[in-house]
Amino acid sequence: MIVVTVLAALGLSFAGAGVASAAPSAQAAAPPVTALATPITGTAANGGSFAGSFTPTKFSTQNGNVLAAGVLTGTVTDASGATVGTVTRTVSMPVTVAAATCQVLNLVLGPLHLDLLGLVVDLNQVHLVITAVQGAGNLLGNLLCAITHLLDGTPTAGGLTALLNAILALLGQL
């Protein structure tokens, strides 16, 4: 479970720099873990652009959704490519977890020999693996993963937030 969460944390997909909103930091945030810096780029209607990175410092839950708070740094340029300014702000962004898979069935049947009244059936080893892929529009994959993990205590958004903050704290100690 921890390995999946670490991979999910490293594979976070942010909704985009346009969704970022300035968030005043009421409490001192942990120093950013630069190994987790995610490249952020964007363009403006007037031809200008932004190129920088977002480094998470804390995760939180709001209305059942996971938010990543961190430091956004980058450079703003105009349509000609000239630097207009630099940005260093604490921002909060919604987080989506990259598509996850779960193994539904792993069945291995050994070789089989049947003699049915003169009809002989020989079957070599069969290895059947069924994997469900979760994500938007994957109704059957989402359903089978939910059923597969029904009894293992799949974390809620709050539980996932706590786990991500614990991982972030551990990475900050490296």
N, C-alpha and C. Protein backbone atom coordinates (compact mmCIF):
# COMPACT_ATOMS: atom_id res chain seq x y z
N MET A 1 0.83 -1.19 0.00
CA MET A 1 0.00 0.00 0.00
C MET A 1 0.88 1.26 0.00
N ILE A 2 1.98 1.21 0.78
CA ILE A 2 2.86 2.38 0.86
C ILE A 2 3.54 2.62 -0.47
N VAL A 3 3.94 1.54 -1.16
CA VAL A 3 4.60 1.69 -2.45
C VAL A 3 3.65 2.34 -3.45
N VAL A 4 2.38 1.89 -3.45
CA VAL A 4 1.40 2.48 -4.36
C VAL A 4 1.21 3.95 -4.06
N THR A 5 1.17 4.30 -2.77
CA THR A 5 0.97 5.69 -2.38
C THR A 5 2.17 6.55 -2.78
N VAL A 6 3.39 6.01 -2.63
CA VAL A 6 4.59 6.76 -3.03
C VAL A 6 4.55 7.00 -4.54
N LEU A 7 4.20 5.95 -5.30
CA LEU A 7 4.12 6.11 -6.75
C LEU A 7 3.04 7.11 -7.12
N ALA A 8 1.93 7.05 -6.41
CA ALA A 8 0.86 8.02 -6.68
C ALA A 8 1.33 9.44 -6.36
N ALA A 9 2.09 9.58 -5.26
CA ALA A 9 2.58 10.91 -4.87
C ALA A 9 3.55 11.45 -5.91
N LEU A 10 4.38 10.56 -6.45
CA LEU A 10 5.36 11.01 -7.44
C LEU A 10 4.71 11.20 -8.81
N GLY A 11 3.57 10.57 -9.06
CA GLY A 11 2.91 10.69 -10.34
C GLY A 11 1.73 11.64 -10.31
N LEU A 12 1.74 12.55 -9.35
CA LEU A 12 0.63 13.48 -9.23
C LEU A 12 0.47 14.31 -10.48
N SER A 13 -0.74 14.55 -10.85
CA SER A 13 -1.05 15.36 -12.02
C SER A 13 -1.82 16.57 -11.55
N PHE A 14 -1.30 17.74 -11.78
CA PHE A 14 -1.95 18.96 -11.33
C PHE A 14 -2.86 19.48 -12.44
N ALA A 15 -3.95 20.10 -12.04
CA ALA A 15 -4.95 20.56 -13.00
C ALA A 15 -4.41 21.69 -13.88
N GLY A 16 -3.32 22.29 -13.52
CA GLY A 16 -2.71 23.33 -14.36
C GLY A 16 -2.43 24.59 -13.59
N ALA A 17 -1.53 25.39 -14.11
CA ALA A 17 -1.15 26.61 -13.41
C ALA A 17 -2.29 27.61 -13.37
N GLY A 18 -3.21 27.53 -14.33
CA GLY A 18 -4.34 28.46 -14.34
C GLY A 18 -5.29 28.23 -13.18
N VAL A 19 -5.26 27.03 -12.58
CA VAL A 19 -6.16 26.71 -11.48
C VAL A 19 -5.54 27.12 -10.15
N ALA A 20 -4.25 27.36 -10.14
CA ALA A 20 -3.56 27.69 -8.89
C ALA A 20 -4.10 28.98 -8.31
N SER A 21 -4.21 28.99 -7.01
CA SER A 21 -4.66 30.20 -6.34
C SER A 21 -3.71 30.50 -5.20
N ALA A 22 -3.48 31.76 -4.98
CA ALA A 22 -2.57 32.15 -3.90
C ALA A 22 -3.20 31.78 -2.58
N ALA A 23 -2.42 31.17 -1.71
CA ALA A 23 -2.92 30.77 -0.41
C ALA A 23 -2.00 31.33 0.65
N PRO A 24 -2.50 32.17 1.53
CA PRO A 24 -1.63 32.69 2.57
C PRO A 24 -1.22 31.57 3.50
N SER A 25 0.05 31.55 3.87
CA SER A 25 0.51 30.50 4.75
C SER A 25 0.38 30.96 6.20
N ALA A 26 -0.64 30.41 6.87
CA ALA A 26 -0.92 30.78 8.25
C ALA A 26 0.08 30.12 9.18
N GLN A 27 0.54 28.93 8.81
CA GLN A 27 1.51 28.26 9.65
C GLN A 27 2.77 28.01 8.84
N ALA A 28 3.88 27.84 9.52
CA ALA A 28 5.14 27.63 8.83
C ALA A 28 5.11 26.28 8.15
N ALA A 29 5.28 26.26 6.85
CA ALA A 29 5.27 25.02 6.10
C ALA A 29 6.65 24.40 6.12
N ALA A 30 6.68 23.08 5.91
CA ALA A 30 7.95 22.38 5.87
C ALA A 30 8.73 22.87 4.66
N PRO A 31 10.05 22.81 4.72
CA PRO A 31 10.82 23.23 3.55
C PRO A 31 10.50 22.33 2.37
N PRO A 32 10.45 22.88 1.15
CA PRO A 32 10.09 22.07 0.00
C PRO A 32 11.11 20.99 -0.28
N VAL A 33 10.65 19.82 -0.70
CA VAL A 33 11.52 18.72 -1.10
C VAL A 33 11.73 18.87 -2.60
N THR A 34 12.87 19.38 -3.00
CA THR A 34 13.11 19.73 -4.40
C THR A 34 13.07 18.53 -5.32
N ALA A 35 13.24 17.31 -4.80
CA ALA A 35 13.17 16.12 -5.65
C ALA A 35 11.75 15.91 -6.18
N LEU A 36 10.76 16.51 -5.53
CA LEU A 36 9.38 16.35 -5.96
C LEU A 36 8.89 17.51 -6.81
N ALA A 37 9.78 18.37 -7.25
CA ALA A 37 9.39 19.52 -8.06
C ALA A 37 8.77 19.04 -9.38
N THR A 38 7.59 19.58 -9.69
CA THR A 38 6.87 19.22 -10.90
C THR A 38 6.92 20.38 -11.87
N PRO A 39 7.35 20.17 -13.11
CA PRO A 39 7.39 21.27 -14.08
C PRO A 39 5.98 21.79 -14.37
N ILE A 40 5.83 23.10 -14.42
CA ILE A 40 4.56 23.75 -14.73
C ILE A 40 4.81 24.74 -15.87
N THR A 41 4.02 24.65 -16.93
CA THR A 41 4.12 25.61 -18.02
C THR A 41 2.73 26.08 -18.39
N GLY A 42 2.65 27.25 -18.98
CA GLY A 42 1.36 27.78 -19.40
C GLY A 42 1.55 28.91 -20.38
N THR A 43 0.48 29.21 -21.11
CA THR A 43 0.52 30.32 -22.06
C THR A 43 -0.65 31.25 -21.79
N ALA A 44 -0.45 32.52 -22.13
CA ALA A 44 -1.49 33.53 -21.97
C ALA A 44 -2.10 33.84 -23.33
N ALA A 45 -3.28 34.42 -23.31
CA ALA A 45 -3.98 34.76 -24.56
C ALA A 45 -3.18 35.75 -25.40
N ASN A 46 -2.36 36.60 -24.76
CA ASN A 46 -1.60 37.61 -25.50
C ASN A 46 -0.27 37.07 -26.03
N GLY A 47 -0.04 35.76 -25.89
CA GLY A 47 1.19 35.16 -26.41
C GLY A 47 2.28 35.01 -25.39
N GLY A 48 2.08 35.55 -24.20
CA GLY A 48 3.08 35.39 -23.13
C GLY A 48 3.08 33.96 -22.61
N SER A 49 4.07 33.64 -21.79
CA SER A 49 4.15 32.28 -21.25
C SER A 49 4.73 32.27 -19.85
N PHE A 50 4.53 31.13 -19.20
CA PHE A 50 5.08 30.90 -17.87
C PHE A 50 5.79 29.55 -17.90
N ALA A 51 6.97 29.49 -17.32
CA ALA A 51 7.71 28.23 -17.19
C ALA A 51 8.32 28.21 -15.80
N GLY A 52 8.05 27.15 -15.08
CA GLY A 52 8.59 27.05 -13.73
C GLY A 52 8.34 25.68 -13.15
N SER A 53 8.26 25.62 -11.83
CA SER A 53 8.02 24.34 -11.16
C SER A 53 7.22 24.55 -9.89
N PHE A 54 6.53 23.50 -9.49
CA PHE A 54 5.77 23.48 -8.25
C PHE A 54 6.36 22.41 -7.35
N THR A 55 6.71 22.80 -6.11
CA THR A 55 7.26 21.87 -5.15
C THR A 55 6.31 21.78 -3.97
N PRO A 56 5.68 20.59 -3.75
CA PRO A 56 4.72 20.47 -2.65
C PRO A 56 5.38 20.53 -1.29
N THR A 57 4.69 21.18 -0.34
CA THR A 57 5.17 21.23 1.04
C THR A 57 4.17 20.62 2.00
N LYS A 58 2.90 20.53 1.57
CA LYS A 58 1.86 20.01 2.46
C LYS A 58 0.66 19.59 1.62
N PHE A 59 -0.04 18.56 2.08
CA PHE A 59 -1.28 18.12 1.45
C PHE A 59 -2.41 18.33 2.44
N SER A 60 -3.59 18.67 1.92
CA SER A 60 -4.76 18.88 2.76
C SER A 60 -6.00 18.37 2.03
N THR A 61 -7.10 18.29 2.77
CA THR A 61 -8.36 17.82 2.21
C THR A 61 -9.39 18.93 2.30
N GLN A 62 -10.12 19.16 1.23
CA GLN A 62 -11.18 20.15 1.22
C GLN A 62 -12.35 19.58 0.41
N ASN A 63 -13.50 19.44 1.06
CA ASN A 63 -14.70 18.88 0.44
C ASN A 63 -14.44 17.51 -0.18
N GLY A 64 -13.66 16.68 0.49
CA GLY A 64 -13.38 15.33 0.00
C GLY A 64 -12.35 15.25 -1.10
N ASN A 65 -11.75 16.37 -1.47
CA ASN A 65 -10.71 16.40 -2.51
C ASN A 65 -9.36 16.68 -1.88
N VAL A 66 -8.32 16.12 -2.46
CA VAL A 66 -6.96 16.34 -1.97
C VAL A 66 -6.37 17.57 -2.65
N LEU A 67 -5.78 18.46 -1.85
CA LEU A 67 -5.11 19.66 -2.36
C LEU A 67 -3.64 19.59 -1.99
N ALA A 68 -2.79 20.08 -2.88
CA ALA A 68 -1.36 20.17 -2.61
C ALA A 68 -1.01 21.64 -2.45
N ALA A 69 -0.41 21.98 -1.32
CA ALA A 69 0.08 23.34 -1.10
C ALA A 69 1.59 23.29 -1.25
N GLY A 70 2.15 24.32 -1.85
CA GLY A 70 3.59 24.33 -2.04
C GLY A 70 4.06 25.62 -2.65
N VAL A 71 5.29 25.60 -3.11
CA VAL A 71 5.92 26.79 -3.64
C VAL A 71 5.97 26.69 -5.17
N LEU A 72 5.41 27.72 -5.81
CA LEU A 72 5.44 27.84 -7.26
C LEU A 72 6.50 28.87 -7.61
N THR A 73 7.48 28.46 -8.39
CA THR A 73 8.53 29.38 -8.84
C THR A 73 8.62 29.29 -10.35
N GLY A 74 8.93 30.41 -10.97
CA GLY A 74 9.07 30.38 -12.42
C GLY A 74 9.29 31.76 -13.00
N THR A 75 9.31 31.81 -14.31
CA THR A 75 9.57 33.04 -15.04
C THR A 75 8.42 33.31 -16.00
N VAL A 76 7.98 34.57 -16.03
CA VAL A 76 6.93 35.02 -16.94
C VAL A 76 7.60 35.79 -18.08
N THR A 77 7.23 35.41 -19.32
CA THR A 77 7.78 36.10 -20.48
C THR A 77 6.65 36.66 -21.33
N ASP A 78 6.95 37.69 -22.11
CA ASP A 78 5.93 38.25 -23.01
C ASP A 78 5.98 37.52 -24.35
N ALA A 79 5.17 37.97 -25.30
CA ALA A 79 5.06 37.31 -26.60
C ALA A 79 6.38 37.28 -27.36
N SER A 80 7.26 38.26 -27.12
CA SER A 80 8.55 38.28 -27.82
C SER A 80 9.59 37.40 -27.14
N GLY A 81 9.27 36.86 -25.96
CA GLY A 81 10.21 36.02 -25.23
C GLY A 81 11.01 36.76 -24.19
N ALA A 82 10.79 38.08 -24.07
CA ALA A 82 11.52 38.86 -23.06
C ALA A 82 10.93 38.59 -21.68
N THR A 83 11.79 38.49 -20.69
CA THR A 83 11.36 38.21 -19.33
C THR A 83 10.61 39.40 -18.76
N VAL A 84 9.39 39.14 -18.28
CA VAL A 84 8.56 40.17 -17.66
C VAL A 84 8.82 40.19 -16.16
N GLY A 85 9.02 39.03 -15.59
CA GLY A 85 9.28 38.95 -14.15
C GLY A 85 9.40 37.50 -13.70
N THR A 86 9.68 37.35 -12.42
CA THR A 86 9.77 36.02 -11.83
C THR A 86 8.70 35.89 -10.75
N VAL A 87 8.33 34.67 -10.47
CA VAL A 87 7.29 34.37 -9.49
C VAL A 87 7.83 33.40 -8.47
N THR A 88 7.58 33.69 -7.20
CA THR A 88 7.82 32.76 -6.11
C THR A 88 6.66 32.95 -5.14
N ARG A 89 5.71 32.02 -5.15
CA ARG A 89 4.51 32.14 -4.33
C ARG A 89 4.14 30.81 -3.71
N THR A 90 3.47 30.90 -2.59
CA THR A 90 2.86 29.72 -2.01
C THR A 90 1.47 29.60 -2.61
N VAL A 91 1.18 28.46 -3.21
CA VAL A 91 -0.10 28.24 -3.87
C VAL A 91 -0.70 26.90 -3.43
N SER A 92 -1.97 26.74 -3.73
CA SER A 92 -2.67 25.50 -3.45
C SER A 92 -3.33 25.02 -4.73
N MET A 93 -3.16 23.72 -5.07
CA MET A 93 -3.68 23.17 -6.31
C MET A 93 -4.42 21.87 -6.04
N PRO A 94 -5.50 21.62 -6.80
CA PRO A 94 -6.16 20.31 -6.69
C PRO A 94 -5.24 19.22 -7.25
N VAL A 95 -5.35 18.05 -6.68
CA VAL A 95 -4.48 16.93 -7.06
C VAL A 95 -5.34 15.81 -7.62
N THR A 96 -4.89 15.22 -8.71
CA THR A 96 -5.49 14.00 -9.21
C THR A 96 -4.42 12.94 -9.23
N VAL A 97 -4.80 11.74 -8.88
CA VAL A 97 -3.85 10.64 -8.83
C VAL A 97 -3.84 9.96 -10.19
N ALA A 98 -2.65 9.65 -10.67
CA ALA A 98 -2.52 8.97 -11.95
C ALA A 98 -3.31 7.67 -11.93
N ALA A 99 -3.74 7.22 -13.10
CA ALA A 99 -4.56 6.01 -13.19
C ALA A 99 -3.88 4.86 -12.46
N ALA A 100 -4.65 4.20 -11.62
CA ALA A 100 -4.14 3.09 -10.83
C ALA A 100 -4.73 1.79 -11.36
N THR A 101 -4.01 0.72 -11.16
CA THR A 101 -4.52 -0.58 -11.54
C THR A 101 -4.59 -1.46 -10.31
N CYS A 102 -5.43 -2.46 -10.38
CA CYS A 102 -5.48 -3.43 -9.30
C CYS A 102 -5.67 -4.81 -9.93
N GLN A 103 -5.02 -5.78 -9.33
CA GLN A 103 -5.10 -7.13 -9.86
C GLN A 103 -6.38 -7.77 -9.33
N VAL A 104 -7.22 -8.22 -10.23
CA VAL A 104 -8.50 -8.83 -9.87
C VAL A 104 -8.35 -10.34 -9.73
N LEU A 105 -7.62 -10.95 -10.64
CA LEU A 105 -7.48 -12.41 -10.63
C LEU A 105 -6.13 -12.81 -11.18
N ASN A 106 -5.47 -13.74 -10.52
CA ASN A 106 -4.23 -14.34 -11.00
C ASN A 106 -4.39 -15.84 -10.83
N LEU A 107 -4.76 -16.52 -11.91
CA LEU A 107 -5.09 -17.94 -11.87
C LEU A 107 -4.08 -18.72 -12.68
N VAL A 108 -3.48 -19.74 -12.07
CA VAL A 108 -2.54 -20.61 -12.76
C VAL A 108 -3.09 -22.03 -12.69
N LEU A 109 -3.37 -22.60 -13.86
CA LEU A 109 -3.83 -23.98 -13.96
C LEU A 109 -2.69 -24.82 -14.52
N GLY A 110 -2.41 -25.92 -13.87
CA GLY A 110 -1.37 -26.82 -14.34
C GLY A 110 -1.81 -27.55 -15.59
N PRO A 111 -0.93 -28.34 -16.17
CA PRO A 111 -1.31 -29.12 -17.36
C PRO A 111 -2.49 -30.04 -17.04
N LEU A 112 -3.35 -30.24 -18.04
CA LEU A 112 -4.56 -31.02 -17.86
C LEU A 112 -4.67 -32.06 -18.96
N HIS A 113 -4.98 -33.30 -18.60
CA HIS A 113 -5.18 -34.37 -19.58
C HIS A 113 -6.53 -35.01 -19.29
N LEU A 114 -7.43 -34.95 -20.26
CA LEU A 114 -8.75 -35.55 -20.12
C LEU A 114 -8.96 -36.59 -21.21
N ASP A 115 -9.51 -37.74 -20.82
CA ASP A 115 -9.91 -38.76 -21.80
C ASP A 115 -11.40 -38.98 -21.59
N LEU A 116 -12.21 -38.39 -22.47
CA LEU A 116 -13.66 -38.45 -22.35
C LEU A 116 -14.22 -39.41 -23.40
N LEU A 117 -14.30 -40.71 -23.03
CA LEU A 117 -14.87 -41.73 -23.92
C LEU A 117 -14.23 -41.70 -25.31
N GLY A 118 -12.94 -41.61 -25.34
CA GLY A 118 -12.23 -41.63 -26.61
C GLY A 118 -11.85 -40.26 -27.14
N LEU A 119 -12.38 -39.21 -26.55
CA LEU A 119 -11.99 -37.86 -26.95
C LEU A 119 -10.92 -37.40 -25.96
N VAL A 120 -9.71 -37.17 -26.47
CA VAL A 120 -8.59 -36.80 -25.61
C VAL A 120 -8.36 -35.31 -25.70
N VAL A 121 -8.32 -34.66 -24.55
CA VAL A 121 -8.07 -33.23 -24.47
C VAL A 121 -6.81 -33.03 -23.64
N ASP A 122 -5.80 -32.41 -24.25
CA ASP A 122 -4.57 -32.07 -23.53
C ASP A 122 -4.44 -30.55 -23.50
N LEU A 123 -4.21 -30.05 -22.34
CA LEU A 123 -4.09 -28.60 -22.16
C LEU A 123 -2.82 -28.32 -21.38
N ASN A 124 -1.96 -27.47 -21.94
CA ASN A 124 -0.75 -27.08 -21.22
C ASN A 124 -1.10 -26.12 -20.09
N GLN A 125 -0.09 -25.68 -19.39
CA GLN A 125 -0.31 -24.75 -18.29
C GLN A 125 -0.97 -23.45 -18.79
N VAL A 126 -1.96 -22.97 -18.05
CA VAL A 126 -2.66 -21.74 -18.38
C VAL A 126 -2.44 -20.74 -17.26
N HIS A 127 -2.05 -19.52 -17.63
CA HIS A 127 -1.85 -18.45 -16.65
C HIS A 127 -2.76 -17.29 -17.04
N LEU A 128 -3.83 -17.10 -16.28
CA LEU A 128 -4.81 -16.06 -16.57
C LEU A 128 -4.64 -14.92 -15.57
N VAL A 129 -4.39 -13.71 -16.08
CA VAL A 129 -4.23 -12.52 -15.24
C VAL A 129 -5.26 -11.50 -15.69
N ILE A 130 -6.11 -11.06 -14.77
CA ILE A 130 -7.08 -10.02 -15.06
C ILE A 130 -6.73 -8.81 -14.21
N THR A 131 -6.50 -7.67 -14.87
CA THR A 131 -6.14 -6.43 -14.19
C THR A 131 -7.16 -5.37 -14.54
N ALA A 132 -7.65 -4.67 -13.53
CA ALA A 132 -8.61 -3.59 -13.73
C ALA A 132 -7.86 -2.26 -13.68
N VAL A 133 -8.21 -1.36 -14.59
CA VAL A 133 -7.59 -0.03 -14.64
C VAL A 133 -8.62 1.00 -14.20
N GLN A 134 -8.28 1.77 -13.16
CA GLN A 134 -9.17 2.80 -12.66
C GLN A 134 -8.95 4.10 -13.43
N GLY A 135 -9.98 4.91 -13.52
CA GLY A 135 -9.85 6.21 -14.15
C GLY A 135 -11.19 6.68 -14.68
N ALA A 136 -11.20 7.90 -15.16
CA ALA A 136 -12.43 8.48 -15.70
C ALA A 136 -12.89 7.68 -16.91
N GLY A 137 -14.15 7.30 -16.92
CA GLY A 137 -14.70 6.55 -18.03
C GLY A 137 -14.46 5.06 -17.98
N ASN A 138 -13.69 4.57 -17.02
CA ASN A 138 -13.41 3.14 -16.88
C ASN A 138 -14.36 2.54 -15.85
N LEU A 139 -15.63 2.47 -16.20
CA LEU A 139 -16.67 2.04 -15.27
C LEU A 139 -16.38 0.65 -14.69
N LEU A 140 -16.11 -0.32 -15.55
CA LEU A 140 -15.87 -1.67 -15.08
C LEU A 140 -14.58 -1.75 -14.26
N GLY A 141 -13.53 -1.07 -14.70
CA GLY A 141 -12.28 -1.06 -13.94
C GLY A 141 -12.46 -0.44 -12.57
N ASN A 142 -13.18 0.69 -12.49
CA ASN A 142 -13.44 1.33 -11.20
C ASN A 142 -14.25 0.41 -10.29
N LEU A 143 -15.27 -0.24 -10.86
CA LEU A 143 -16.14 -1.12 -10.07
C LEU A 143 -15.37 -2.32 -9.54
N LEU A 144 -14.59 -2.98 -10.40
CA LEU A 144 -13.85 -4.16 -9.97
C LEU A 144 -12.76 -3.81 -8.95
N CYS A 145 -12.10 -2.67 -9.11
CA CYS A 145 -11.10 -2.26 -8.12
C CYS A 145 -11.77 -1.96 -6.78
N ALA A 146 -12.94 -1.32 -6.83
CA ALA A 146 -13.66 -1.03 -5.58
C ALA A 146 -14.07 -2.31 -4.89
N ILE A 147 -14.55 -3.29 -5.65
CA ILE A 147 -14.96 -4.57 -5.05
C ILE A 147 -13.74 -5.32 -4.53
N THR A 148 -12.65 -5.31 -5.30
CA THR A 148 -11.44 -6.01 -4.90
C THR A 148 -10.90 -5.47 -3.59
N HIS A 149 -10.98 -4.16 -3.38
CA HIS A 149 -10.42 -3.53 -2.19
C HIS A 149 -11.49 -3.20 -1.14
N LEU A 150 -12.64 -3.85 -1.24
CA LEU A 150 -13.75 -3.54 -0.35
C LEU A 150 -13.39 -3.73 1.12
N LEU A 151 -12.62 -4.75 1.42
CA LEU A 151 -12.34 -5.06 2.83
C LEU A 151 -10.94 -4.67 3.29
N ASP A 152 -10.10 -4.07 2.43
CA ASP A 152 -8.76 -3.71 2.89
C ASP A 152 -8.63 -2.31 3.43
N GLY A 153 -9.67 -1.62 3.72
CA GLY A 153 -9.54 -0.31 4.34
C GLY A 153 -8.90 0.72 3.43
N THR A 154 -9.36 0.83 2.19
CA THR A 154 -8.84 1.82 1.26
C THR A 154 -8.96 3.20 1.90
N PRO A 155 -7.90 3.98 1.92
CA PRO A 155 -7.94 5.27 2.62
C PRO A 155 -8.88 6.27 1.96
N THR A 156 -9.50 7.07 2.79
CA THR A 156 -10.33 8.17 2.30
C THR A 156 -9.40 9.30 1.88
N ALA A 157 -9.98 10.40 1.41
CA ALA A 157 -9.15 11.55 1.02
C ALA A 157 -8.34 12.04 2.23
N GLY A 158 -8.95 12.05 3.41
CA GLY A 158 -8.24 12.47 4.62
C GLY A 158 -7.10 11.52 4.97
N GLY A 159 -7.35 10.21 4.83
CA GLY A 159 -6.31 9.22 5.10
C GLY A 159 -5.17 9.32 4.10
N LEU A 160 -5.53 9.54 2.83
CA LEU A 160 -4.51 9.70 1.80
C LEU A 160 -3.68 10.96 2.04
N THR A 161 -4.35 12.03 2.48
CA THR A 161 -3.65 13.27 2.79
C THR A 161 -2.64 13.05 3.91
N ALA A 162 -3.05 12.37 4.97
CA ALA A 162 -2.15 12.10 6.09
C ALA A 162 -0.95 11.25 5.64
N LEU A 163 -1.22 10.26 4.80
CA LEU A 163 -0.15 9.41 4.29
C LEU A 163 0.83 10.20 3.42
N LEU A 164 0.30 11.05 2.54
CA LEU A 164 1.17 11.86 1.68
C LEU A 164 2.01 12.83 2.50
N ASN A 165 1.43 13.43 3.55
CA ASN A 165 2.19 14.33 4.41
C ASN A 165 3.29 13.59 5.15
N ALA A 166 3.01 12.35 5.58
CA ALA A 166 4.04 11.55 6.25
C ALA A 166 5.19 11.23 5.30
N ILE A 167 4.85 10.88 4.06
CA ILE A 167 5.89 10.58 3.07
C ILE A 167 6.70 11.84 2.77
N LEU A 168 6.02 12.98 2.64
CA LEU A 168 6.70 14.24 2.37
C LEU A 168 7.66 14.60 3.51
N ALA A 169 7.24 14.35 4.75
CA ALA A 169 8.11 14.62 5.91
C ALA A 169 9.34 13.71 5.89
N LEU A 170 9.13 12.44 5.55
CA LEU A 170 10.27 11.52 5.47
C LEU A 170 11.25 11.91 4.38
N LEU A 171 10.73 12.32 3.21
CA LEU A 171 11.60 12.75 2.13
C LEU A 171 12.35 14.03 2.50
N GLY A 172 11.73 14.87 3.32
CA GLY A 172 12.38 16.10 3.76
C GLY A 172 13.57 15.85 4.68
N GLN A 173 13.60 14.67 5.30
CA GLN A 173 14.70 14.33 6.20
C GLN A 173 15.89 13.75 5.48
N LEU A 174 15.73 13.45 4.21
CA LEU A 174 16.84 12.84 3.45
C LEU A 174 17.91 13.84 3.10
